[in-house]
């Protein structure tokens, strides 16, 4: 008897397509079933890792593309001493070549 906390072999597979594939490949010989299940678990883990890596890479590329479109030029900050001994920090453009990219 299987206890309620014991996962069945199909619960070890996380994706329904792999569960269906296991059910279609199942044989009447338990040792062969364990080999098939082990192979499918390994393939499924590799597939999940590749799919998540691809999704994250695409999201990062999209983010960089959007940031490149939105990026505004960065200007040099100019620090000047005022007449009363204080300092003024700001941007005072004289030429268009003062941008830092």
C-alpha atoms as a PDB file:
ATOM      1  CA  UNK A   1       0.000   0.000   0.000  1.00  0.00           C
ATOM      2  CA  UNK A   2       1.272   3.451  -0.907  1.00  0.00           C
ATOM      3  CA  UNK A   3       1.144   6.037   1.863  1.00  0.00           C
ATOM      4  CA  UNK A   4      -0.329   9.456   1.001  1.00  0.00           C
ATOM      5  CA  UNK A   5       3.077  11.110   1.454  1.00  0.00           C
ATOM      6  CA  UNK A   6       4.901   8.783  -0.951  1.00  0.00           C
ATOM      7  CA  UNK A   7       5.127  10.318  -4.426  1.00  0.00           C
ATOM      8  CA  UNK A   8       4.197   8.074  -7.306  1.00  0.00           C
ATOM      9  CA  UNK A   9       6.530   7.697 -10.242  1.00  0.00           C
ATOM     10  CA  UNK A  10       4.545  10.137 -12.361  1.00  0.00           C
ATOM     11  CA  UNK A  11       4.746  12.765  -9.588  1.00  0.00           C
ATOM     12  CA  UNK A  12       8.541  12.741  -9.902  1.00  0.00           C
ATOM     13  CA  UNK A  13       8.129  14.219 -13.363  1.00  0.00           C
ATOM     14  CA  UNK A  14       7.255  17.902 -13.182  1.00  0.00           C
ATOM     15  CA  UNK A  15       5.947  18.565 -16.689  1.00  0.00           C
ATOM     16  CA  UNK A  16       2.813  16.917 -18.014  1.00  0.00           C
ATOM     17  CA  UNK A  17       4.378  16.190 -21.427  1.00  0.00           C
ATOM     18  CA  UNK A  18       7.072  14.103 -19.758  1.00  0.00           C
ATOM     19  CA  UNK A  19       4.448  12.312 -17.640  1.00  0.00           C
ATOM     20  CA  UNK A  20       2.480  11.441 -20.773  1.00  0.00           C
ATOM     21  CA  UNK A  21       5.665  10.256 -22.485  1.00  0.00           C
ATOM     22  CA  UNK A  22       6.482   8.038 -19.491  1.00  0.00           C
ATOM     23  CA  UNK A  23       2.986   6.544 -19.530  1.00  0.00           C
ATOM     24  CA  UNK A  24       3.308   5.792 -23.235  1.00  0.00           C
ATOM     25  CA  UNK A  25       6.744   4.147 -22.788  1.00  0.00           C
ATOM     26  CA  UNK A  26       5.799   2.130 -19.689  1.00  0.00           C
ATOM     27  CA  UNK A  27       6.438  -1.618 -19.923  1.00  0.00           C
ATOM     28  CA  UNK A  28       5.332  -4.569 -17.775  1.00  0.00           C
ATOM     29  CA  UNK A  29       8.919  -4.913 -16.467  1.00  0.00           C
ATOM     30  CA  UNK A  30       9.624  -2.673 -13.431  1.00  0.00           C
ATOM     31  CA  UNK A  31      13.440  -2.497 -13.890  1.00  0.00           C
ATOM     32  CA  UNK A  32      13.006  -1.158 -17.422  1.00  0.00           C
ATOM     33  CA  UNK A  33      10.392   1.305 -16.161  1.00  0.00           C
ATOM     34  CA  UNK A  34      12.863   2.638 -13.590  1.00  0.00           C
ATOM     35  CA  UNK A  35      15.486   3.120 -16.323  1.00  0.00           C
ATOM     36  CA  UNK A  36      12.975   4.937 -18.521  1.00  0.00           C
ATOM     37  CA  UNK A  37      11.860   7.090 -15.589  1.00  0.00           C
ATOM     38  CA  UNK A  38      15.434   7.958 -14.658  1.00  0.00           C
ATOM     39  CA  UNK A  39      16.248   8.931 -18.212  1.00  0.00           C
ATOM     40  CA  UNK A  40      13.113  11.075 -18.470  1.00  0.00           C
ATOM     41  CA  UNK A  41      13.818  12.804 -15.137  1.00  0.00           C
ATOM     42  CA  UNK A  42      17.322  13.681 -16.346  1.00  0.00           C
ATOM     43  CA  UNK A  43      16.065  14.943 -19.695  1.00  0.00           C
ATOM     44  CA  UNK A  44      13.311  16.920 -18.017  1.00  0.00           C
ATOM     45  CA  UNK A  45      15.750  18.624 -15.641  1.00  0.00           C
ATOM     46  CA  UNK A  46      18.047  19.549 -18.533  1.00  0.00           C
ATOM     47  CA  UNK A  47      15.074  20.837 -20.545  1.00  0.00           C
ATOM     48  CA  UNK A  48      13.878  22.966 -17.601  1.00  0.00           C
ATOM     49  CA  UNK A  49      17.369  24.424 -17.104  1.00  0.00           C
ATOM     50  CA  UNK A  50      17.778  25.232 -20.800  1.00  0.00           C
ATOM     51  CA  UNK A  51      14.296  26.748 -21.044  1.00  0.00           C
ATOM     52  CA  UNK A  52      14.785  28.967 -17.979  1.00  0.00           C
ATOM     53  CA  UNK A  53      18.231  30.065 -19.166  1.00  0.00           C
ATOM     54  CA  UNK A  54      16.823  30.944 -22.580  1.00  0.00           C
ATOM     55  CA  UNK A  55      13.920  32.871 -21.036  1.00  0.00           C
ATOM     56  CA  UNK A  56      16.193  34.844 -18.718  1.00  0.00           C
ATOM     57  CA  UNK A  57      18.638  35.626 -21.540  1.00  0.00           C
ATOM     58  CA  UNK A  58      15.797  36.876 -23.747  1.00  0.00           C
ATOM     59  CA  UNK A  59      14.427  39.032 -20.916  1.00  0.00           C
ATOM     60  CA  UNK A  60      17.878  40.542 -20.298  1.00  0.00           C
ATOM     61  CA  UNK A  61      18.325  41.274 -24.019  1.00  0.00           C
ATOM     62  CA  UNK A  62      14.885  42.933 -24.147  1.00  0.00           C
ATOM     63  CA  UNK A  63      15.746  44.984 -21.064  1.00  0.00           C
ATOM     64  CA  UNK A  64      19.031  46.175 -22.572  1.00  0.00           C
ATOM     65  CA  UNK A  65      17.291  47.056 -25.846  1.00  0.00           C
ATOM     66  CA  UNK A  66      14.683  49.120 -23.998  1.00  0.00           C
ATOM     67  CA  UNK A  67      17.328  50.845 -21.883  1.00  0.00           C
ATOM     68  CA  UNK A  68      19.319  51.711 -25.011  1.00  0.00           C
ATOM     69  CA  UNK A  69      16.207  53.323 -26.497  1.00  0.00           C
ATOM     70  CA  UNK A  70      15.454  55.257 -23.319  1.00  0.00           C
ATOM     71  CA  UNK A  71      18.973  56.261 -22.422  1.00  0.00           C
ATOM     72  CA  UNK A  72      19.623  59.975 -22.293  1.00  0.00           C
ATOM     73  CA  UNK A  73      23.094  61.442 -22.564  1.00  0.00           C
ATOM     74  CA  UNK A  74      25.040  61.804 -19.333  1.00  0.00           C
ATOM     75  CA  UNK A  75      26.656  65.175 -18.867  1.00  0.00           C
ATOM     76  CA  UNK A  76      29.732  66.089 -16.893  1.00  0.00           C
ATOM     77  CA  UNK A  77      28.942  67.726 -13.580  1.00  0.00           C
ATOM     78  CA  UNK A  78      30.666  71.072 -13.197  1.00  0.00           C
ATOM     79  CA  UNK A  79      31.714  72.157  -9.704  1.00  0.00           C
ATOM     80  CA  UNK A  80      32.328  75.891  -9.337  1.00  0.00           C
ATOM     81  CA  UNK A  81      33.220  77.968  -6.334  1.00  0.00           C
ATOM     82  CA  UNK A  82      30.866  80.868  -5.700  1.00  0.00           C
ATOM     83  CA  UNK A  83      31.781  84.363  -4.540  1.00  0.00           C
ATOM     84  CA  UNK A  84      30.668  83.678  -0.967  1.00  0.00           C
ATOM     85  CA  UNK A  85      32.971  80.615  -0.625  1.00  0.00           C
ATOM     86  CA  UNK A  86      30.336  77.947  -1.333  1.00  0.00           C
ATOM     87  CA  UNK A  87      30.199  75.553  -4.239  1.00  0.00           C
ATOM     88  CA  UNK A  88      27.751  75.163  -7.085  1.00  0.00           C
ATOM     89  CA  UNK A  89      27.332  71.797  -8.722  1.00  0.00           C
ATOM     90  CA  UNK A  90      25.519  71.715 -12.024  1.00  0.00           C
ATOM     91  CA  UNK A  91      25.612  71.299 -15.727  1.00  0.00           C
ATOM     92  CA  UNK A  92      26.423  74.300 -17.844  1.00  0.00           C
ATOM     93  CA  UNK A  93      26.498  73.243 -21.498  1.00  0.00           C
ATOM     94  CA  UNK A  94      28.634  75.302 -23.770  1.00  0.00           C
ATOM     95  CA  UNK A  95      29.395  72.692 -26.420  1.00  0.00           C
ATOM     96  CA  UNK A  96      27.432  69.650 -27.497  1.00  0.00           C
ATOM     97  CA  UNK A  97      30.593  67.531 -27.215  1.00  0.00           C
ATOM     98  CA  UNK A  98      30.526  67.473 -23.408  1.00  0.00           C
ATOM     99  CA  UNK A  99      28.324  64.375 -23.177  1.00  0.00           C
ATOM    100  CA  UNK A 100      29.690  61.173 -21.736  1.00  0.00           C
ATOM    101  CA  UNK A 101      28.368  58.023 -23.353  1.00  0.00           C
END
